[in-house]
Amino acid sequence: MSIFQNFINSSHSKREFLITLFIKIAGYSAIVFVGMIFIFLLLEGLPAVQKVNLTSLVSSRWYPIEDYFGILPLIGGSIIITLGATLIAVPFGIGSAVYLSEIAPHWVRELLKPLVEILGGLPSVVLGFLGMLVLSPFLRKLLDLPTGLTAFTGAILLGGIAIPTVMSVAEDALDAVPRSYRDASLAMGATEWQTIWRVTVPAARSGVLTAIMLGIGRAIGETMTVMMVTGNAPILPRGIGNLFSPVRTMTATIAAEMGEVANGSVHYHVLFLIGIVLFLISLAVNITASTVIFRQKKRQERILS
């Protein structure tokens, strides 16, 4: 009996060891792959700094045919569309999450959540096609614009794309808040609305911030939708008025021009340099999110202790 028990224990320990080893390999491989991607971008993008003057790279004109490689219009276009999408996705996404988690009946929640997740899985090219055929002409007539292919159109579509991500992650964070928090608040005389905004949402703050950052990351990295509905005009945004003008983003530029450039040319290396800038912006967003979430968790631990 003891021999059989020892055999079972040894098999369990071997299984646990293999599972732990697999999880560690999977975790480390993610870091290795990201590092390899960044090294590849550096090898292909840094030659652009040697071949193009820095003043040309930070200029406001992008016209590679005549050797104008100013990336500021592309960065500005990405920023203005991302900010517009964030202003749309955050209130609608968080509000929808609060409704599904705290207010909606069970049958409504079971119906709406799968639908929202299906919307989050729609191909971006399909949304871009709908934006070109439906949203763009509608906004052109409604706002009396010369063209409906503007940064505003791109921001609306990107906001719609990011809403399912924000809502799904935020709703999971709200569900993770213990029921005792809500019961204690209601027992002290707070209304249901006060309990939601002063107890439940603050308790899920770290998860909500994660949802917002994931939504921003989704908006920054989107390619096909913005390439189809923003007009692709590399114009440097100089104010709120440019929200209703055509712009071009970094992702759309890489997708539209990478297939047409000669391998090893200056234009080729500058496109990879744009990829480095996009990588660093995404990295900065993730680091900021991780820092904020870490501080929030530390603050909650101090409060509970």
C-alpha atoms as a PDB file:
ATOM      1  CA  MET A   1       0.000   0.000   0.000  1.00  0.00           C
ATOM      2  CA  SER A   2       2.788   2.381   0.866  1.00  0.00           C
ATOM      3  CA  ILE A   3       4.575   1.599  -2.403  1.00  0.00           C
ATOM      4  CA  PHE A   4       1.385   2.376  -4.351  1.00  0.00           C
ATOM      5  CA  GLN A   5       0.888   5.595  -2.377  1.00  0.00           C
ATOM      6  CA  ASN A   6       4.472   6.656  -3.023  1.00  0.00           C
ATOM      7  CA  PHE A   7       3.975   5.997  -6.732  1.00  0.00           C
ATOM      8  CA  ILE A   8       0.850   8.184  -6.761  1.00  0.00           C
ATOM      9  CA  ASN A   9       2.612  10.974  -4.870  1.00  0.00           C
ATOM     10  CA  SER A  10       5.608  10.860  -7.197  1.00  0.00           C
ATOM     11  CA  SER A  11       3.345  10.991 -10.268  1.00  0.00           C
ATOM     12  CA  HIS A  12       1.485  13.962  -8.806  1.00  0.00           C
ATOM     13  CA  SER A  13       4.750  15.759  -8.041  1.00  0.00           C
ATOM     14  CA  LYS A  14       6.033  15.099 -11.576  1.00  0.00           C
ATOM     15  CA  ARG A  15       2.785  16.388 -13.056  1.00  0.00           C
ATOM     16  CA  GLU A  16       2.914  19.529 -10.922  1.00  0.00           C
ATOM     17  CA  PHE A  17       6.547  20.055 -11.895  1.00  0.00           C
ATOM     18  CA  LEU A  18       5.739  19.768 -15.611  1.00  0.00           C
ATOM     19  CA  ILE A  19       2.753  22.108 -15.320  1.00  0.00           C
ATOM     20  CA  THR A  20       4.829  24.661 -13.401  1.00  0.00           C
ATOM     21  CA  LEU A  21       7.626  24.385 -15.949  1.00  0.00           C
ATOM     22  CA  PHE A  22       5.191  24.881 -18.838  1.00  0.00           C
ATOM     23  CA  ILE A  23       3.684  27.987 -17.189  1.00  0.00           C
ATOM     24  CA  LYS A  24       7.142  29.461 -16.593  1.00  0.00           C
ATOM     25  CA  ILE A  25       8.193  28.786 -20.189  1.00  0.00           C
ATOM     26  CA  ALA A  26       4.987  30.394 -21.483  1.00  0.00           C
ATOM     27  CA  GLY A  27       5.519  33.462 -19.288  1.00  0.00           C
ATOM     28  CA  TYR A  28       9.177  33.914 -20.177  1.00  0.00           C
ATOM     29  CA  SER A  29       8.526  33.272 -23.875  1.00  0.00           C
ATOM     30  CA  ALA A  30       6.160  36.250 -24.004  1.00  0.00           C
ATOM     31  CA  ILE A  31       8.950  38.497 -22.729  1.00  0.00           C
ATOM     32  CA  VAL A  32      11.444  36.940 -25.148  1.00  0.00           C
ATOM     33  CA  PHE A  33       9.137  37.380 -28.157  1.00  0.00           C
ATOM     34  CA  VAL A  34       8.450  41.035 -27.331  1.00  0.00           C
ATOM     35  CA  GLY A  35      12.172  41.621 -26.890  1.00  0.00           C
ATOM     36  CA  MET A  36      12.928  39.968 -30.237  1.00  0.00           C
ATOM     37  CA  ILE A  37      10.303  42.108 -31.969  1.00  0.00           C
ATOM     38  CA  PHE A  38      11.782  45.262 -30.462  1.00  0.00           C
ATOM     39  CA  ILE A  39      15.325  44.244 -31.494  1.00  0.00           C
ATOM     40  CA  PHE A  40      14.105  43.587 -35.053  1.00  0.00           C
ATOM     41  CA  LEU A  41      12.464  47.024 -35.143  1.00  0.00           C
ATOM     42  CA  LEU A  42      15.679  48.629 -33.913  1.00  0.00           C
ATOM     43  CA  LEU A  43      17.798  46.855 -36.542  1.00  0.00           C
ATOM     44  CA  GLU A  44      15.478  47.928 -39.351  1.00  0.00           C
ATOM     45  CA  GLY A  45      14.486  51.361 -38.060  1.00  0.00           C
ATOM     46  CA  LEU A  46      17.635  52.923 -36.632  1.00  0.00           C
ATOM     47  CA  PRO A  47      19.357  53.219 -40.062  1.00  0.00           C
ATOM     48  CA  ALA A  48      16.720  55.844 -40.866  1.00  0.00           C
ATOM     49  CA  VAL A  49      18.253  58.129 -38.232  1.00  0.00           C
ATOM     50  CA  GLN A  50      21.601  57.888 -40.044  1.00  0.00           C
ATOM     51  CA  LYS A  51      20.175  58.399 -43.529  1.00  0.00           C
ATOM     52  CA  VAL A  52      17.643  61.170 -42.780  1.00  0.00           C
ATOM     53  CA  ASN A  53      18.317  64.432 -41.008  1.00  0.00           C
ATOM     54  CA  LEU A  54      16.661  64.765 -37.615  1.00  0.00           C
ATOM     55  CA  THR A  55      15.115  68.082 -38.672  1.00  0.00           C
ATOM     56  CA  SER A  56      13.452  66.290 -41.570  1.00  0.00           C
ATOM     57  CA  LEU A  57      12.085  63.548 -39.336  1.00  0.00           C
ATOM     58  CA  VAL A  58      10.471  66.048 -36.947  1.00  0.00           C
ATOM     59  CA  SER A  59       9.083  68.247 -39.712  1.00  0.00           C
ATOM     60  CA  SER A  60       5.418  68.580 -40.586  1.00  0.00           C
ATOM     61  CA  ARG A  61       5.546  67.215 -44.136  1.00  0.00           C
ATOM     62  CA  TRP A  62       5.256  63.548 -45.111  1.00  0.00           C
ATOM     63  CA  TYR A  63       5.876  63.072 -48.815  1.00  0.00           C
ATOM     64  CA  PRO A  64       8.343  60.198 -49.317  1.00  0.00           C
ATOM     65  CA  ILE A  65       8.422  60.553 -53.112  1.00  0.00           C
ATOM     66  CA  GLU A  66      10.334  63.820 -52.682  1.00  0.00           C
ATOM     67  CA  ASP A  67      12.264  62.610 -49.608  1.00  0.00           C
ATOM     68  CA  TYR A  68      10.106  64.405 -47.039  1.00  0.00           C
ATOM     69  CA  PHE A  69       9.829  62.092 -44.031  1.00  0.00           C
ATOM     70  CA  GLY A  70       8.227  64.243 -41.342  1.00  0.00           C
ATOM     71  CA  ILE A  71       6.505  61.895 -38.883  1.00  0.00           C
ATOM     72  CA  LEU A  72       4.870  64.574 -36.722  1.00  0.00           C
ATOM     73  CA  PRO A  73       1.624  64.584 -38.785  1.00  0.00           C
ATOM     74  CA  LEU A  74       1.387  60.817 -38.342  1.00  0.00           C
ATOM     75  CA  ILE A  75       1.967  61.000 -34.587  1.00  0.00           C
ATOM     76  CA  GLY A  76      -0.501  63.878 -34.286  1.00  0.00           C
ATOM     77  CA  GLY A  77      -3.135  61.997 -36.279  1.00  0.00           C
ATOM     78  CA  SER A  78      -2.764  58.915 -34.080  1.00  0.00           C
ATOM     79  CA  ILE A  79      -2.992  60.989 -30.891  1.00  0.00           C
ATOM     80  CA  ILE A  80      -6.064  63.012 -31.870  1.00  0.00           C
ATOM     81  CA  ILE A  81      -7.980  59.907 -33.012  1.00  0.00           C
ATOM     82  CA  THR A  82      -6.973  57.933 -29.910  1.00  0.00           C
ATOM     83  CA  LEU A  83      -8.042  60.757 -27.581  1.00  0.00           C
ATOM     84  CA  GLY A  84     -11.379  61.070 -29.379  1.00  0.00           C
ATOM     85  CA  ALA A  85     -11.953  57.321 -29.209  1.00  0.00           C
ATOM     86  CA  THR A  86     -11.076  57.311 -25.495  1.00  0.00           C
ATOM     87  CA  LEU A  87     -13.582  60.083 -24.761  1.00  0.00           C
ATOM     88  CA  ILE A  88     -16.240  57.932 -26.418  1.00  0.00           C
ATOM     89  CA  ALA A  89     -15.254  54.473 -25.194  1.00  0.00           C
ATOM     90  CA  VAL A  90     -14.611  55.218 -21.508  1.00  0.00           C
ATOM     91  CA  PRO A  91     -17.999  56.657 -20.443  1.00  0.00           C
ATOM     92  CA  PHE A  92     -20.030  54.253 -22.588  1.00  0.00           C
ATOM     93  CA  GLY A  93     -17.885  51.237 -21.679  1.00  0.00           C
ATOM     94  CA  ILE A  94     -17.830  51.915 -17.928  1.00  0.00           C
ATOM     95  CA  GLY A  95     -21.512  52.859 -17.904  1.00  0.00           C
ATOM     96  CA  SER A  96     -22.443  49.663 -19.737  1.00  0.00           C
ATOM     97  CA  ALA A  97     -20.337  47.614 -17.324  1.00  0.00           C
ATOM     98  CA  VAL A  98     -22.040  49.197 -14.316  1.00  0.00           C
ATOM     99  CA  TYR A  99     -25.450  48.557 -15.829  1.00  0.00           C
ATOM    100  CA  LEU A 100     -24.763  44.897 -16.589  1.00  0.00           C
ATOM    101  CA  SER A 101     -23.066  44.203 -13.254  1.00  0.00           C
ATOM    102  CA  GLU A 102     -25.239  46.182 -10.847  1.00  0.00           C
ATOM    103  CA  ILE A 103     -28.591  47.106 -12.392  1.00  0.00           C
ATOM    104  CA  ALA A 104     -29.630  44.807 -15.236  1.00  0.00           C
ATOM    105  CA  PRO A 105     -31.798  41.756 -14.504  1.00  0.00           C
ATOM    106  CA  HIS A 106     -30.114  38.412 -14.839  1.00  0.00           C
ATOM    107  CA  TRP A 107     -31.802  37.526 -18.127  1.00  0.00           C
ATOM    108  CA  VAL A 108     -30.812  40.871 -19.668  1.00  0.00           C
ATOM    109  CA  ARG A 109     -27.214  40.357 -18.593  1.00  0.00           C
ATOM    110  CA  GLU A 110     -27.107  36.844 -20.006  1.00  0.00           C
ATOM    111  CA  LEU A 111     -28.428  38.208 -23.310  1.00  0.00           C
ATOM    112  CA  LEU A 112     -26.380  41.404 -23.685  1.00  0.00           C
ATOM    113  CA  LYS A 113     -22.939  40.268 -22.546  1.00  0.00           C
ATOM    114  CA  PRO A 114     -22.488  37.618 -25.281  1.00  0.00           C
ATOM    115  CA  LEU A 115     -23.726  40.119 -27.863  1.00  0.00           C
ATOM    116  CA  VAL A 116     -21.191  42.706 -26.723  1.00  0.00           C
ATOM    117  CA  GLU A 117     -18.402  40.144 -26.844  1.00  0.00           C
ATOM    118  CA  ILE A 118     -19.457  39.200 -30.369  1.00  0.00           C
ATOM    119  CA  LEU A 119     -19.239  42.876 -31.340  1.00  0.00           C
ATOM    120  CA  GLY A 120     -15.725  42.954 -29.909  1.00  0.00           C
ATOM    121  CA  GLY A 121     -14.762  40.119 -32.247  1.00  0.00           C
ATOM    122  CA  LEU A 122     -15.985  41.732 -35.456  1.00  0.00           C
ATOM    123  CA  PRO A 123     -13.187  42.243 -38.021  1.00  0.00           C
ATOM    124  CA  SER A 124     -12.047  45.843 -38.157  1.00  0.00           C
ATOM    125  CA  VAL A 125     -12.193  45.837 -41.951  1.00  0.00           C
ATOM    126  CA  VAL A 126     -15.943  45.168 -41.751  1.00  0.00           C
ATOM    127  CA  LEU A 127     -16.432  48.132 -39.417  1.00  0.00           C
ATOM    128  CA  GLY A 128     -14.299  50.275 -41.693  1.00  0.00           C
ATOM    129  CA  PHE A 129     -16.412  49.255 -44.682  1.00  0.00           C
ATOM    130  CA  LEU A 130     -19.596  50.197 -42.803  1.00  0.00           C
ATOM    131  CA  GLY A 131     -17.964  53.472 -41.811  1.00  0.00           C
ATOM    132  CA  MET A 132     -17.198  54.318 -45.439  1.00  0.00           C
ATOM    133  CA  LEU A 133     -20.675  53.463 -46.704  1.00  0.00           C
ATOM    134  CA  VAL A 134     -22.888  54.595 -43.816  1.00  0.00           C
ATOM    135  CA  LEU A 135     -21.220  56.715 -41.130  1.00  0.00           C
ATOM    136  CA  SER A 136     -19.015  58.864 -43.350  1.00  0.00           C
ATOM    137  CA  PRO A 137     -21.799  60.093 -45.710  1.00  0.00           C
ATOM    138  CA  PHE A 138     -24.108  60.634 -42.720  1.00  0.00           C
ATOM    139  CA  LEU A 139     -21.595  62.822 -40.883  1.00  0.00           C
ATOM    140  CA  ARG A 140     -20.758  64.734 -44.059  1.00  0.00           C
ATOM    141  CA  LYS A 141     -24.416  65.713 -44.509  1.00  0.00           C
ATOM    142  CA  LEU A 142     -25.117  66.247 -40.811  1.00  0.00           C
ATOM    143  CA  LEU A 143     -22.109  68.484 -40.136  1.00  0.00           C
ATOM    144  CA  ASP A 144     -21.962  70.022 -43.633  1.00  0.00           C
ATOM    145  CA  LEU A 145     -18.362  68.936 -44.202  1.00  0.00           C
ATOM    146  CA  PRO A 146     -16.441  68.745 -47.493  1.00  0.00           C
ATOM    147  CA  THR A 147     -15.777  65.078 -46.790  1.00  0.00           C
ATOM    148  CA  GLY A 148     -16.911  62.569 -44.212  1.00  0.00           C
ATOM    149  CA  LEU A 149     -13.509  60.854 -44.117  1.00  0.00           C
ATOM    150  CA  THR A 150     -12.182  62.712 -41.093  1.00  0.00           C
ATOM    151  CA  ALA A 151     -10.517  62.164 -37.737  1.00  0.00           C
ATOM    152  CA  PHE A 152     -13.935  62.480 -36.099  1.00  0.00           C
ATOM    153  CA  THR A 153     -15.274  59.542 -38.114  1.00  0.00           C
ATOM    154  CA  GLY A 154     -12.242  57.479 -37.163  1.00  0.00           C
ATOM    155  CA  ALA A 155     -12.615  58.411 -33.492  1.00  0.00           C
ATOM    156  CA  ILE A 156     -16.271  57.316 -33.453  1.00  0.00           C
ATOM    157  CA  LEU A 157     -15.474  53.957 -35.020  1.00  0.00           C
ATOM    158  CA  LEU A 158     -12.443  53.370 -32.811  1.00  0.00           C
ATOM    159  CA  GLY A 159     -14.538  54.278 -29.784  1.00  0.00           C
ATOM    160  CA  GLY A 160     -17.098  51.699 -30.854  1.00  0.00           C
ATOM    161  CA  ILE A 161     -14.360  49.117 -31.316  1.00  0.00           C
ATOM    162  CA  ALA A 162     -12.890  49.812 -27.857  1.00  0.00           C
ATOM    163  CA  ILE A 163     -16.235  49.826 -25.994  1.00  0.00           C
ATOM    164  CA  PRO A 164     -16.598  45.990 -25.862  1.00  0.00           C
ATOM    165  CA  THR A 165     -13.064  45.649 -24.483  1.00  0.00           C
ATOM    166  CA  VAL A 166     -13.583  48.302 -21.812  1.00  0.00           C
ATOM    167  CA  MET A 167     -17.014  46.984 -20.882  1.00  0.00           C
ATOM    168  CA  SER A 168     -16.015  43.324 -20.640  1.00  0.00           C
ATOM    169  CA  VAL A 169     -12.926  43.873 -18.458  1.00  0.00           C
ATOM    170  CA  ALA A 170     -14.632  46.489 -16.257  1.00  0.00           C
ATOM    171  CA  GLU A 171     -17.674  44.260 -15.775  1.00  0.00           C
ATOM    172  CA  ASP A 172     -15.465  41.389 -14.628  1.00  0.00           C
ATOM    173  CA  ALA A 173     -13.732  43.738 -12.177  1.00  0.00           C
ATOM    174  CA  LEU A 174     -17.069  44.892 -10.754  1.00  0.00           C
ATOM    175  CA  ASP A 175     -18.236  41.282 -10.366  1.00  0.00           C
ATOM    176  CA  ALA A 176     -15.101  40.534  -8.351  1.00  0.00           C
ATOM    177  CA  VAL A 177     -16.088  43.055  -5.652  1.00  0.00           C
ATOM    178  CA  PRO A 178     -17.381  41.083  -2.627  1.00  0.00           C
ATOM    179  CA  ARG A 179     -21.114  41.178  -2.042  1.00  0.00           C
ATOM    180  CA  SER A 180     -20.479  42.137   1.571  1.00  0.00           C
ATOM    181  CA  TYR A 181     -19.296  45.594   0.446  1.00  0.00           C
ATOM    182  CA  ARG A 182     -22.664  46.312  -1.140  1.00  0.00           C
ATOM    183  CA  ASP A 183     -24.642  44.851   1.759  1.00  0.00           C
ATOM    184  CA  ALA A 184     -22.694  46.903   4.293  1.00  0.00           C
ATOM    185  CA  SER A 185     -23.280  50.117   2.339  1.00  0.00           C
ATOM    186  CA  LEU A 186     -27.014  49.452   1.970  1.00  0.00           C
ATOM    187  CA  ALA A 187     -27.272  48.536   5.657  1.00  0.00           C
ATOM    188  CA  MET A 188     -25.829  51.946   6.601  1.00  0.00           C
ATOM    189  CA  GLY A 189     -28.572  53.730   4.679  1.00  0.00           C
ATOM    190  CA  ALA A 190     -26.916  54.396   1.344  1.00  0.00           C
ATOM    191  CA  THR A 191     -29.049  54.197  -1.760  1.00  0.00           C
ATOM    192  CA  GLU A 192     -28.311  51.740  -4.536  1.00  0.00           C
ATOM    193  CA  TRP A 193     -26.893  54.538  -6.698  1.00  0.00           C
ATOM    194  CA  GLN A 194     -24.642  55.779  -3.883  1.00  0.00           C
ATOM    195  CA  THR A 195     -23.471  52.218  -3.259  1.00  0.00           C
ATOM    196  CA  ILE A 196     -22.515  51.804  -6.913  1.00  0.00           C
ATOM    197  CA  TRP A 197     -20.511  55.021  -7.324  1.00  0.00           C
ATOM    198  CA  ARG A 198     -19.058  55.356  -3.806  1.00  0.00           C
ATOM    199  CA  VAL A 199     -18.401  51.728  -2.899  1.00  0.00           C
ATOM    200  CA  THR A 200     -18.488  49.252  -5.787  1.00  0.00           C
ATOM    201  CA  VAL A 201     -16.729  51.296  -8.472  1.00  0.00           C
ATOM    202  CA  PRO A 202     -13.956  52.575  -6.144  1.00  0.00           C
ATOM    203  CA  ALA A 203     -13.393  49.022  -4.890  1.00  0.00           C
ATOM    204  CA  ALA A 204     -12.921  47.862  -8.500  1.00  0.00           C
ATOM    205  CA  ARG A 205     -10.765  50.867  -9.435  1.00  0.00           C
ATOM    206  CA  SER A 206      -7.699  48.849 -10.436  1.00  0.00           C
ATOM    207  CA  GLY A 207      -9.718  46.622 -12.766  1.00  0.00           C
ATOM    208  CA  VAL A 208     -11.536  49.615 -14.238  1.00  0.00           C
ATOM    209  CA  LEU A 209      -8.219  51.351 -14.938  1.00  0.00           C
ATOM    210  CA  THR A 210      -6.980  48.181 -16.596  1.00  0.00           C
ATOM    211  CA  ALA A 211     -10.070  48.181 -18.810  1.00  0.00           C
ATOM    212  CA  ILE A 212      -9.460  51.802 -19.806  1.00  0.00           C
ATOM    213  CA  MET A 213      -5.817  51.159 -20.663  1.00  0.00           C
ATOM    214  CA  LEU A 214      -6.705  48.085 -22.703  1.00  0.00           C
ATOM    215  CA  GLY A 215      -9.257  50.166 -24.588  1.00  0.00           C
ATOM    216  CA  ILE A 216      -6.638  52.835 -25.291  1.00  0.00           C
ATOM    217  CA  GLY A 217      -4.205  50.173 -26.445  1.00  0.00           C
ATOM    218  CA  ARG A 218      -6.842  48.751 -28.783  1.00  0.00           C
ATOM    219  CA  ALA A 219      -7.446  52.210 -30.251  1.00  0.00           C
ATOM    220  CA  ILE A 220      -3.746  52.970 -30.732  1.00  0.00           C
ATOM    221  CA  GLY A 221      -3.034  49.728 -32.538  1.00  0.00           C
ATOM    222  CA  GLU A 222      -6.050  49.701 -34.859  1.00  0.00           C
ATOM    223  CA  THR A 223      -5.128  49.790 -38.536  1.00  0.00           C
ATOM    224  CA  MET A 224      -7.734  48.911 -41.151  1.00  0.00           C
ATOM    225  CA  THR A 225     -10.582  50.988 -39.756  1.00  0.00           C
ATOM    226  CA  VAL A 226      -8.603  54.229 -39.536  1.00  0.00           C
ATOM    227  CA  MET A 227      -7.013  53.603 -42.926  1.00  0.00           C
ATOM    228  CA  MET A 228     -10.455  53.359 -44.524  1.00  0.00           C
ATOM    229  CA  VAL A 229     -12.337  56.245 -42.882  1.00  0.00           C
ATOM    230  CA  THR A 230      -9.844  58.999 -41.918  1.00  0.00           C
ATOM    231  CA  GLY A 231      -8.957  60.257 -45.387  1.00  0.00           C
ATOM    232  CA  ASN A 232      -5.235  59.363 -45.121  1.00  0.00           C
ATOM    233  CA  ALA A 233      -4.042  62.965 -45.423  1.00  0.00           C
ATOM    234  CA  PRO A 234      -0.763  63.499 -43.504  1.00  0.00           C
ATOM    235  CA  ILE A 235      -1.719  66.900 -42.076  1.00  0.00           C
ATOM    236  CA  LEU A 236      -0.371  68.043 -38.722  1.00  0.00           C
ATOM    237  CA  PRO A 237      -3.325  68.658 -36.350  1.00  0.00           C
ATOM    238  CA  ARG A 238      -3.104  72.181 -34.916  1.00  0.00           C
ATOM    239  CA  GLY A 239      -6.365  72.439 -32.985  1.00  0.00           C
ATOM    240  CA  ILE A 240      -9.813  71.045 -32.336  1.00  0.00           C
ATOM    241  CA  GLY A 241     -10.814  72.017 -35.883  1.00  0.00           C
ATOM    242  CA  ASN A 242      -8.584  69.297 -37.277  1.00  0.00           C
ATOM    243  CA  LEU A 243     -10.898  66.766 -35.691  1.00  0.00           C
ATOM    244  CA  PHE A 244     -13.189  67.363 -38.663  1.00  0.00           C
ATOM    245  CA  SER A 245     -10.402  67.172 -41.266  1.00  0.00           C
ATOM    246  CA  PRO A 246      -8.693  64.180 -42.890  1.00  0.00           C
ATOM    247  CA  VAL A 247      -5.677  62.832 -41.016  1.00  0.00           C
ATOM    248  CA  ARG A 248      -3.342  59.855 -41.223  1.00  0.00           C
ATOM    249  CA  THR A 249      -2.193  57.593 -38.410  1.00  0.00           C
ATOM    250  CA  MET A 250       1.087  55.740 -37.926  1.00  0.00           C
ATOM    251  CA  THR A 251      -0.524  52.321 -38.282  1.00  0.00           C
ATOM    252  CA  ALA A 252      -2.331  53.282 -41.489  1.00  0.00           C
ATOM    253  CA  THR A 253       0.896  54.646 -42.966  1.00  0.00           C
ATOM    254  CA  ILE A 254       2.798  51.432 -42.285  1.00  0.00           C
ATOM    255  CA  ALA A 255      -0.011  49.266 -43.671  1.00  0.00           C
ATOM    256  CA  ALA A 256      -0.531  51.374 -46.784  1.00  0.00           C
ATOM    257  CA  GLU A 257       3.099  51.935 -47.780  1.00  0.00           C
ATOM    258  CA  MET A 258       5.131  48.957 -46.546  1.00  0.00           C
ATOM    259  CA  GLY A 259       4.099  46.768 -49.468  1.00  0.00           C
ATOM    260  CA  GLU A 260       5.227  49.351 -52.029  1.00  0.00           C
ATOM    261  CA  VAL A 261       8.715  50.308 -50.800  1.00  0.00           C
ATOM    262  CA  ALA A 262      12.006  48.788 -51.882  1.00  0.00           C
ATOM    263  CA  ASN A 263      13.676  46.608 -49.268  1.00  0.00           C
ATOM    264  CA  GLY A 264      16.530  48.530 -47.647  1.00  0.00           C
ATOM    265  CA  SER A 265      15.522  51.957 -48.992  1.00  0.00           C
ATOM    266  CA  VAL A 266      15.305  55.087 -46.854  1.00  0.00           C
ATOM    267  CA  HIS A 267      11.517  54.963 -47.012  1.00  0.00           C
ATOM    268  CA  TYR A 268      11.631  51.340 -45.818  1.00  0.00           C
ATOM    269  CA  HIS A 269      13.744  52.196 -42.767  1.00  0.00           C
ATOM    270  CA  VAL A 270      11.607  55.229 -41.904  1.00  0.00           C
ATOM    271  CA  LEU A 271       8.496  53.040 -41.814  1.00  0.00           C
ATOM    272  CA  PHE A 272      10.228  50.795 -39.302  1.00  0.00           C
ATOM    273  CA  LEU A 273      11.214  53.899 -37.335  1.00  0.00           C
ATOM    274  CA  ILE A 274       7.504  54.758 -37.166  1.00  0.00           C
ATOM    275  CA  GLY A 275       6.960  51.251 -35.840  1.00  0.00           C
ATOM    276  CA  ILE A 276       9.529  51.927 -33.102  1.00  0.00           C
ATOM    277  CA  VAL A 277       7.720  55.129 -32.117  1.00  0.00           C
ATOM    278  CA  LEU A 278       4.399  53.256 -32.025  1.00  0.00           C
ATOM    279  CA  PHE A 279       5.975  50.495 -29.932  1.00  0.00           C
ATOM    280  CA  LEU A 280       7.363  53.018 -27.435  1.00  0.00           C
ATOM    281  CA  ILE A 281       4.001  54.801 -27.146  1.00  0.00           C
ATOM    282  CA  SER A 282       2.236  51.503 -26.443  1.00  0.00           C
ATOM    283  CA  LEU A 283       4.933  50.595 -23.936  1.00  0.00           C
ATOM    284  CA  ALA A 284       4.514  53.945 -22.177  1.00  0.00           C
ATOM    285  CA  VAL A 285       0.754  53.407 -21.939  1.00  0.00           C
ATOM    286  CA  ASN A 286       1.221  49.936 -20.446  1.00  0.00           C
ATOM    287  CA  ILE A 287       3.865  51.095 -17.959  1.00  0.00           C
ATOM    288  CA  THR A 288       1.640  53.974 -16.875  1.00  0.00           C
ATOM    289  CA  ALA A 289      -1.287  51.605 -16.407  1.00  0.00           C
ATOM    290  CA  SER A 290       0.820  49.141 -14.415  1.00  0.00           C
ATOM    291  CA  THR A 291       2.170  51.940 -12.191  1.00  0.00           C
ATOM    292  CA  VAL A 292      -1.274  53.354 -11.471  1.00  0.00           C
ATOM    293  CA  ILE A 293      -2.737  49.915 -10.749  1.00  0.00           C
ATOM    294  CA  PHE A 294       0.182  49.028  -8.464  1.00  0.00           C
ATOM    295  CA  ARG A 295      -0.262  52.239  -6.479  1.00  0.00           C
ATOM    296  CA  GLN A 296      -3.998  51.651  -6.175  1.00  0.00           C
ATOM    297  CA  LYS A 297      -3.441  48.120  -4.849  1.00  0.00           C
ATOM    298  CA  LYS A 298      -0.883  49.379  -2.321  1.00  0.00           C
ATOM    299  CA  ARG A 299      -3.297  52.075  -1.174  1.00  0.00           C
ATOM    300  CA  GLN A 300      -6.110  49.546  -0.749  1.00  0.00           C
ATOM    301  CA  GLU A 301      -3.804  47.244   1.218  1.00  0.00           C
ATOM    302  CA  ARG A 302      -2.886  50.096   3.565  1.00  0.00           C
ATOM    303  CA  ILE A 303      -6.522  50.984   4.057  1.00  0.00           C
ATOM    304  CA  LEU A 304      -7.518  47.389   4.819  1.00  0.00           C
ATOM    305  CA  SER A 305      -4.580  46.904   7.193  1.00  0.00           C
END
